[in-house]
Amino acid sequence: MTHLRTERTRARTLFTAFALAALLLPTAPGGAAAEAPRPAAAHPGGGPGTPHGFASLAGGTTGGRGGEVVTVTDQAGLEKYAGAEEPYVIRVAGSIAVEPFGADIDVASDKTIVGAGDTGEIVHGELHLNPGTSNVIIRNLTIRDSYIEGDWDGKTTDFDAIQMDSADHVWIDHNRLTHMGDGLLDIRKDSQYITVSYNHFDHHNKALGIGWTENVTTQITIDHNWFSGTKQRNPSADNCAYAHLYNNYLSAQVADGDPLWTYGNWARGATKMVIENSYYQDVQHPYQADDTAELVQRGSILRNTTGRTDTRGTAFEPRDFYPYTLHRAADVPKLVTRNAGPQTYIGTAPHGTHH
């Protein structure tokens, strides 16, 4: 299977983008293609209907647009279409329990996997993007419950909710990720052009890890996410060329007395991180940076926080890469708690073959 998109696939994808956008992914006014970065458009329930941030650059992220729209209700159907060579828009209807417990569902290039309304679930399983996978959208799903009882530190398994290795052009949006065996979202190795938006990470130790590489290549946008009842990696960003975090809400952090490994955002290694207009409530070490990293923070609000709030260096200017709209930090708790996670209006078009 060819992991990187050919020019023919790209052309076909763009040519048919508008029709499928009308079905599942509302576009900004005028229906502009994802390749043209623009400010986030307003949509019911919050959040843009097309990829924004770093996922919108270098050709953009279109997922399965141009392919057949299918609806799956069981593991066999999900595995068949997620792993296919052809592009697909895959609607997950209802709850899919994965067997064996903790198993991977491989996701190939040019796929959109979207929950049909707010009831699409993957239980006991992981969505996995192998090295070289490109152009994937994962939206509006709950992925939950591969936790191994007694293994709070996640040392006995590698059961993540979503894991990618050296993937590019990936949009993770409006999901709820909770109570898994290791990390909730692991963005590993040299993954590039990633956006993580409007997700709810909760009831877990290690939420969102980025890195596991000596190379400083990853570009990632992390916005309007809610981290609640988590302990660490909110996120941990190691050796990211550019990490842009804005309008995130960190609340109700696990209070286990750990003086080091209970923290909010951490710029590690050679990471350049910019944090804007976020809200930290009941958090230890809201944001911190290694001596080798750079971290700029602007406009965030801290309530009942303790520990490190490091800033150093000049990092980068996100608007040099793409336009975006900031909400006021004071509005973040209400906005994010209402709109992060699965929404009833996403993925509800009754089209496609049922399997």
Protein backbone atom coordinates (compact mmCIF):
# COMPACT_ATOMS: atom_id res chain seq x y z
CA MET A 1 0.00 0.00 0.00
CA THR A 2 1.30 3.45 -0.84
CA HIS A 3 1.24 5.53 2.31
CA LEU A 4 1.77 8.97 0.80
CA ARG A 5 -0.90 10.42 -1.43
CA THR A 6 -0.26 10.49 -5.13
CA GLU A 7 -1.02 13.61 -7.12
CA ARG A 8 -3.94 11.80 -8.74
CA THR A 9 -5.47 10.99 -5.37
CA ARG A 10 -4.96 14.57 -4.20
CA ALA A 11 -6.62 15.98 -7.31
CA ARG A 12 -9.58 13.62 -7.01
CA THR A 13 -9.89 14.45 -3.34
CA LEU A 14 -10.01 18.19 -3.93
CA PHE A 15 -12.37 17.88 -6.89
CA THR A 16 -15.01 16.10 -4.82
CA ALA A 17 -14.42 17.84 -1.50
CA PHE A 18 -17.44 20.08 -1.66
CA ALA A 19 -20.03 17.31 -2.04
CA LEU A 20 -18.86 15.33 0.96
CA ALA A 21 -18.28 18.46 2.99
CA ALA A 22 -21.99 19.13 2.67
CA LEU A 23 -22.69 15.67 4.07
CA LEU A 24 -20.42 15.47 7.07
CA LEU A 25 -18.02 18.34 7.55
CA PRO A 26 -19.59 21.81 7.31
CA THR A 27 -17.28 24.21 5.49
CA ALA A 28 -16.53 27.82 6.13
CA PRO A 29 -18.57 30.38 4.23
CA GLY A 30 -17.81 30.15 0.52
CA GLY A 31 -16.76 26.48 0.78
CA ALA A 32 -13.03 27.23 0.50
CA ALA A 33 -10.81 24.15 0.26
CA ALA A 34 -8.69 23.12 3.25
CA GLU A 35 -5.51 24.08 1.39
CA ALA A 36 -6.30 27.79 1.85
CA PRO A 37 -5.61 28.62 5.54
CA ARG A 38 -8.18 30.99 7.03
CA PRO A 39 -9.59 32.04 10.40
CA ALA A 40 -11.80 29.48 12.13
CA ALA A 41 -15.44 29.81 11.09
CA ALA A 42 -18.21 29.65 13.67
CA HIS A 43 -20.29 26.46 13.73
CA PRO A 44 -23.01 25.10 16.02
CA GLY A 45 -21.44 23.49 19.05
CA GLY A 46 -18.11 25.30 18.60
CA GLY A 47 -15.12 24.75 16.41
CA PRO A 48 -14.37 24.97 12.71
CA GLY A 49 -15.82 22.45 10.29
CA THR A 50 -12.58 22.04 8.36
CA PRO A 51 -9.03 21.49 9.60
CA HIS A 52 -7.25 24.57 10.85
CA GLY A 53 -3.85 25.27 12.35
CA PHE A 54 -0.87 23.22 11.24
CA ALA A 55 -3.10 20.50 9.76
CA SER A 56 -4.31 23.05 7.19
CA LEU A 57 -0.82 23.70 5.78
CA ALA A 58 1.38 22.03 3.15
CA GLY A 59 -1.52 20.76 1.05
CA GLY A 60 -4.05 20.54 3.86
CA THR A 61 -5.88 17.61 5.47
CA THR A 62 -8.99 16.29 3.70
CA GLY A 63 -9.27 12.76 5.11
CA GLY A 64 -11.55 10.50 3.13
CA ARG A 65 -13.19 13.15 0.98
CA GLY A 66 -13.54 11.82 -2.54
CA GLY A 67 -14.22 8.30 -1.33
CA GLU A 68 -17.39 6.40 -0.55
CA VAL A 69 -19.32 7.26 2.62
CA VAL A 70 -19.94 4.11 4.65
CA THR A 71 -21.52 3.44 8.04
CA VAL A 72 -20.05 0.74 10.28
CA THR A 73 -21.56 -0.87 13.35
CA ASP A 74 -19.02 -3.60 14.16
CA GLN A 75 -15.29 -4.24 14.37
CA ALA A 76 -15.08 -6.12 11.07
CA GLY A 77 -16.57 -3.23 9.12
CA LEU A 78 -14.36 -0.67 10.85
CA GLU A 79 -11.20 -2.69 10.20
CA LYS A 80 -12.14 -3.29 6.56
CA TYR A 81 -12.64 0.35 5.62
CA ALA A 82 -10.10 1.97 7.96
CA GLY A 83 -7.34 -0.24 6.56
CA ALA A 84 -8.30 -0.01 2.88
CA GLU A 85 -6.10 1.59 0.25
CA GLU A 86 -8.92 3.73 -1.10
CA PRO A 87 -10.22 6.89 0.59
CA TYR A 88 -13.33 6.43 2.75
CA VAL A 89 -15.51 8.53 5.00
CA ILE A 90 -16.39 6.04 7.76
CA ARG A 91 -19.30 6.81 10.05
CA VAL A 92 -19.25 4.90 13.34
CA ALA A 93 -22.82 4.28 14.51
CA GLY A 94 -23.25 3.12 18.09
CA SER A 95 -20.71 1.31 20.26
CA ILE A 96 -18.07 -1.03 18.79
CA ALA A 97 -16.39 -3.32 21.34
CA VAL A 98 -12.93 -4.35 20.09
CA GLU A 99 -11.56 -7.85 20.59
CA PRO A 100 -9.11 -8.94 21.78
CA PHE A 101 -9.03 -6.40 24.57
CA GLY A 102 -6.66 -3.53 23.69
CA ALA A 103 -6.25 -4.50 20.02
CA ASP A 104 -5.27 -1.99 17.32
CA ILE A 105 -7.51 -0.85 14.48
CA ASP A 106 -5.05 0.18 11.75
CA VAL A 107 -6.00 3.40 9.97
CA ALA A 108 -4.53 3.87 6.49
CA SER A 109 -4.05 7.10 4.53
CA ASP A 110 -6.95 9.18 3.17
CA LYS A 111 -9.55 8.31 5.81
CA THR A 112 -12.15 10.16 7.81
CA ILE A 113 -13.49 8.28 10.83
CA VAL A 114 -16.37 10.17 12.41
CA GLY A 115 -18.91 9.29 15.06
CA ALA A 116 -22.51 9.51 13.86
CA GLY A 117 -23.86 12.05 16.31
CA ASP A 118 -22.61 11.81 19.88
CA THR A 119 -23.06 8.05 20.35
CA GLY A 120 -20.23 6.62 18.19
CA GLU A 121 -17.84 4.67 20.45
CA ILE A 122 -14.78 2.46 20.21
CA VAL A 123 -14.44 0.44 23.40
CA HIS A 124 -11.33 -1.53 24.52
CA GLY A 125 -9.42 -0.69 21.31
CA GLU A 126 -6.93 1.72 19.73
CA LEU A 127 -6.90 3.60 16.42
CA HIS A 128 -3.34 3.21 15.15
CA LEU A 129 -1.55 5.12 12.36
CA ASN A 130 1.58 3.38 11.15
CA PRO A 131 4.69 5.22 9.86
CA GLY A 132 4.02 6.98 6.56
CA THR A 133 0.26 7.28 7.05
CA SER A 134 -1.01 10.58 5.67
CA ASN A 135 -4.22 12.60 5.54
CA VAL A 136 -6.44 11.26 8.34
CA ILE A 137 -9.34 12.87 10.20
CA ILE A 138 -10.68 11.34 13.45
CA ARG A 139 -13.73 13.19 14.77
CA ASN A 140 -16.60 12.95 17.19
CA LEU A 141 -15.80 9.58 18.77
CA THR A 142 -15.63 8.33 22.32
CA ILE A 143 -12.68 5.96 22.71
CA ARG A 144 -12.65 4.39 26.15
CA ASP A 145 -11.88 1.68 28.67
CA SER A 146 -8.82 -0.36 27.89
CA TYR A 147 -7.48 0.37 31.38
CA ILE A 148 -5.74 -2.50 33.16
CA GLU A 149 -6.90 -2.51 36.76
CA GLY A 150 -4.07 -1.57 39.11
CA ASP A 151 -1.75 -0.28 36.34
CA TRP A 152 -2.24 3.46 36.89
CA ASP A 153 1.18 4.24 35.40
CA GLY A 154 0.49 2.31 32.20
CA LYS A 155 3.63 0.19 32.44
CA THR A 156 2.25 -3.21 31.41
CA THR A 157 0.51 -2.38 28.12
CA ASP A 158 0.64 0.06 25.20
CA PHE A 159 -3.13 0.43 24.91
CA ASP A 160 -3.60 4.03 23.79
CA ALA A 161 -6.82 5.54 22.45
CA ILE A 162 -5.07 6.96 19.37
CA GLN A 163 -1.42 6.41 18.48
CA MET A 164 0.52 7.58 15.45
CA ASP A 165 4.14 7.07 14.40
CA SER A 166 5.67 9.43 11.80
CA ALA A 167 2.28 10.29 10.31
CA ASP A 168 1.47 13.56 8.57
CA HIS A 169 -1.60 15.73 8.09
CA VAL A 170 -3.83 14.46 10.88
CA TRP A 171 -6.78 16.24 12.49
CA ILE A 172 -8.04 14.92 15.85
CA ASP A 173 -11.24 16.81 16.68
CA HIS A 174 -14.25 16.66 19.04
CA ASN A 175 -13.41 13.28 20.58
CA ARG A 176 -13.67 12.08 24.16
CA LEU A 177 -10.69 9.94 25.17
CA THR A 178 -10.87 8.33 28.59
CA HIS A 179 -9.64 5.54 30.89
CA MET A 180 -7.21 3.73 28.58
CA GLY A 181 -4.33 1.39 29.29
CA ASP A 182 -1.41 3.75 28.54
CA GLY A 183 -1.75 7.18 26.88
CA LEU A 184 -4.92 8.75 25.57
CA LEU A 185 -3.26 10.31 22.53
CA ASP A 186 0.36 9.55 21.57
CA ILE A 187 1.78 11.58 18.68
CA ARG A 188 5.09 9.85 18.18
CA LYS A 189 8.31 10.00 16.23
CA ASP A 190 8.41 12.52 13.36
CA SER A 191 4.70 13.23 12.92
CA GLN A 192 3.99 16.51 11.14
CA TYR A 193 1.14 18.93 10.37
CA ILE A 194 -1.10 17.88 13.26
CA THR A 195 -4.08 19.67 14.81
CA VAL A 196 -5.78 18.51 18.03
CA SER A 197 -8.94 20.52 18.73
CA TYR A 198 -12.08 20.43 20.88
CA ASN A 199 -11.31 17.08 22.51
CA HIS A 200 -12.10 16.01 26.07
CA PHE A 201 -9.29 14.12 27.82
CA ASP A 202 -10.44 12.78 31.18
CA HIS A 203 -10.19 10.17 33.95
CA HIS A 204 -6.62 9.20 33.15
CA ASN A 205 -2.94 9.49 34.05
CA LYS A 206 -1.09 10.29 30.78
CA ALA A 207 -3.25 12.41 28.49
CA LEU A 208 -1.36 13.71 25.43
CA GLY A 209 2.27 12.88 24.69
CA ILE A 210 4.27 14.22 21.74
CA GLY A 211 7.79 13.13 20.83
CA TRP A 212 9.83 9.92 21.24
CA THR A 213 12.31 11.24 18.67
CA GLU A 214 15.62 13.06 18.56
CA ASN A 215 14.50 14.97 15.46
CA VAL A 216 12.91 18.40 15.87
CA THR A 217 10.28 18.21 13.12
CA THR A 218 6.75 18.07 14.58
CA GLN A 219 4.42 21.03 13.99
CA ILE A 220 1.25 20.86 16.08
CA THR A 221 -1.74 23.03 16.97
CA ILE A 222 -3.61 22.19 20.20
CA ASP A 223 -6.70 24.30 20.83
CA HIS A 224 -9.99 24.30 22.74
CA ASN A 225 -9.32 20.99 24.47
CA TRP A 226 -10.54 20.12 27.97
CA PHE A 227 -8.18 18.20 30.25
CA SER A 228 -10.06 17.12 33.38
CA GLY A 229 -9.19 14.47 35.94
CA THR A 230 -5.83 13.85 34.27
CA LYS A 231 -2.40 13.78 35.89
CA GLN A 232 0.31 14.55 33.31
CA ARG A 233 1.05 15.12 29.60
CA ASN A 234 -1.54 17.85 29.13
CA PRO A 235 0.45 17.88 26.83
CA SER A 236 4.08 16.85 27.18
CA ALA A 237 5.77 18.12 24.00
CA ASP A 238 9.29 16.81 23.41
CA ASN A 239 11.37 18.07 20.48
CA CYS A 240 8.52 19.83 18.68
CA ALA A 241 9.65 22.32 16.10
CA TYR A 242 6.46 24.31 16.77
CA ALA A 243 3.78 23.66 19.39
CA HIS A 244 0.93 26.18 19.46
CA LEU A 245 -1.50 25.82 22.39
CA TYR A 246 -4.44 28.18 22.74
CA ASN A 247 -7.83 28.38 24.47
CA ASN A 248 -7.33 25.09 26.30
CA TYR A 249 -8.94 24.39 29.68
CA LEU A 250 -7.09 22.38 32.35
CA SER A 251 -9.17 21.60 35.44
CA ALA A 252 -9.57 19.19 38.34
CA GLN A 253 -6.10 17.75 37.92
CA VAL A 254 -5.43 14.50 39.75
CA ALA A 255 -4.11 15.50 43.20
CA ASP A 256 -1.88 12.61 44.24
CA GLY A 257 0.90 14.56 45.95
CA ASP A 258 3.45 13.80 43.23
CA PRO A 259 5.80 16.83 43.26
CA LEU A 260 7.16 16.33 39.71
CA TRP A 261 5.05 14.20 37.40
CA THR A 262 1.73 15.88 38.03
CA TYR A 263 1.76 18.86 35.69
CA GLY A 264 -0.01 20.77 32.93
CA ASN A 265 1.93 21.73 29.79
CA TRP A 266 5.61 20.84 29.45
CA ALA A 267 7.95 22.05 26.68
CA ARG A 268 10.72 19.47 26.63
CA GLY A 269 13.94 19.04 24.72
CA ALA A 270 14.27 21.56 21.89
CA THR A 271 10.54 22.38 21.73
CA LYS A 272 9.36 25.86 20.82
CA MET A 273 5.97 26.36 22.48
CA VAL A 274 3.49 29.24 22.43
CA ILE A 275 0.56 29.21 24.91
CA GLU A 276 -2.26 31.73 24.51
CA ASN A 277 -5.47 32.55 26.38
CA SER A 278 -5.78 29.24 28.18
CA TYR A 279 -7.34 28.63 31.59
CA TYR A 280 -5.71 26.62 34.40
CA GLN A 281 -7.81 25.72 37.42
CA ASP A 282 -6.65 23.49 40.31
CA VAL A 283 -3.43 22.58 38.49
CA GLN A 284 0.11 21.96 39.75
CA HIS A 285 2.93 23.23 37.48
CA PRO A 286 0.59 24.83 34.90
CA TYR A 287 3.31 25.28 32.26
CA GLN A 288 7.01 24.56 32.37
CA ALA A 289 9.99 24.34 30.04
CA ASP A 290 13.31 22.54 29.99
CA ASP A 291 16.40 24.75 29.87
CA THR A 292 16.83 23.70 26.23
CA ALA A 293 13.26 24.64 25.24
CA GLU A 294 11.55 27.96 24.55
CA LEU A 295 8.12 28.85 25.93
CA VAL A 296 6.10 32.03 25.41
CA GLN A 297 2.83 32.51 27.34
CA ARG A 298 0.31 35.24 26.65
CA GLY A 299 -3.05 36.04 28.20
CA SER A 300 -3.82 32.89 30.21
CA ILE A 301 -5.68 32.78 33.54
CA LEU A 302 -4.50 30.77 36.56
CA ARG A 303 -6.89 29.88 39.40
CA ASN A 304 -5.78 27.94 42.48
CA THR A 305 -2.55 26.79 40.84
CA THR A 306 0.86 26.02 42.35
CA GLY A 307 4.36 25.35 41.10
CA ARG A 308 6.12 26.23 37.87
CA THR A 309 5.06 28.82 35.31
CA ASP A 310 8.21 28.97 33.19
CA THR A 311 8.75 31.29 30.27
CA ARG A 312 11.99 31.58 28.30
CA GLY A 313 13.09 32.58 24.83
CA THR A 314 10.98 33.92 21.98
CA ALA A 315 9.70 30.61 20.52
CA PHE A 316 7.84 31.61 17.31
CA GLU A 317 4.89 33.63 16.05
CA PRO A 318 1.95 31.37 15.09
CA ARG A 319 0.45 34.01 12.79
CA ASP A 320 3.52 33.69 10.60
CA PHE A 321 2.13 30.23 9.72
CA TYR A 322 -1.69 30.56 9.74
CA PRO A 323 -4.50 32.87 10.83
CA TYR A 324 -6.62 32.00 13.86
CA THR A 325 -9.13 33.59 16.22
CA LEU A 326 -8.51 33.70 19.97
CA HIS A 327 -11.35 33.58 22.48
CA ARG A 328 -10.92 35.46 25.74
CA ALA A 329 -9.31 33.35 28.44
CA ALA A 330 -12.18 34.19 30.80
CA ASP A 331 -14.64 32.60 28.36
CA VAL A 332 -12.67 29.36 27.95
CA PRO A 333 -14.20 27.23 30.78
CA LYS A 334 -17.78 27.76 29.59
CA LEU A 335 -16.91 27.51 25.90
CA VAL A 336 -14.78 24.40 26.18
CA THR A 337 -16.87 22.42 28.67
CA ARG A 338 -19.90 22.95 26.45
CA ASN A 339 -18.25 22.14 23.13
CA ALA A 340 -15.31 19.76 23.67
CA GLY A 341 -16.00 16.11 22.93
CA PRO A 342 -18.62 14.51 20.64
CA GLN A 343 -21.45 16.65 19.32
CA THR A 344 -24.88 15.66 18.01
CA TYR A 345 -24.54 17.77 14.85
CA ILE A 346 -21.37 16.10 13.53
CA GLY A 347 -21.54 13.03 11.28
CA THR A 348 -25.30 12.75 11.25
CA ALA A 349 -26.02 12.84 7.50
CA PRO A 350 -27.92 9.61 6.68
CA HIS A 351 -25.82 8.68 3.66
CA GLY A 352 -23.61 5.75 2.80
CA THR A 353 -23.74 1.99 2.81
CA HIS A 354 -24.31 0.22 6.14
CA HIS A 355 -21.96 -2.61 7.10
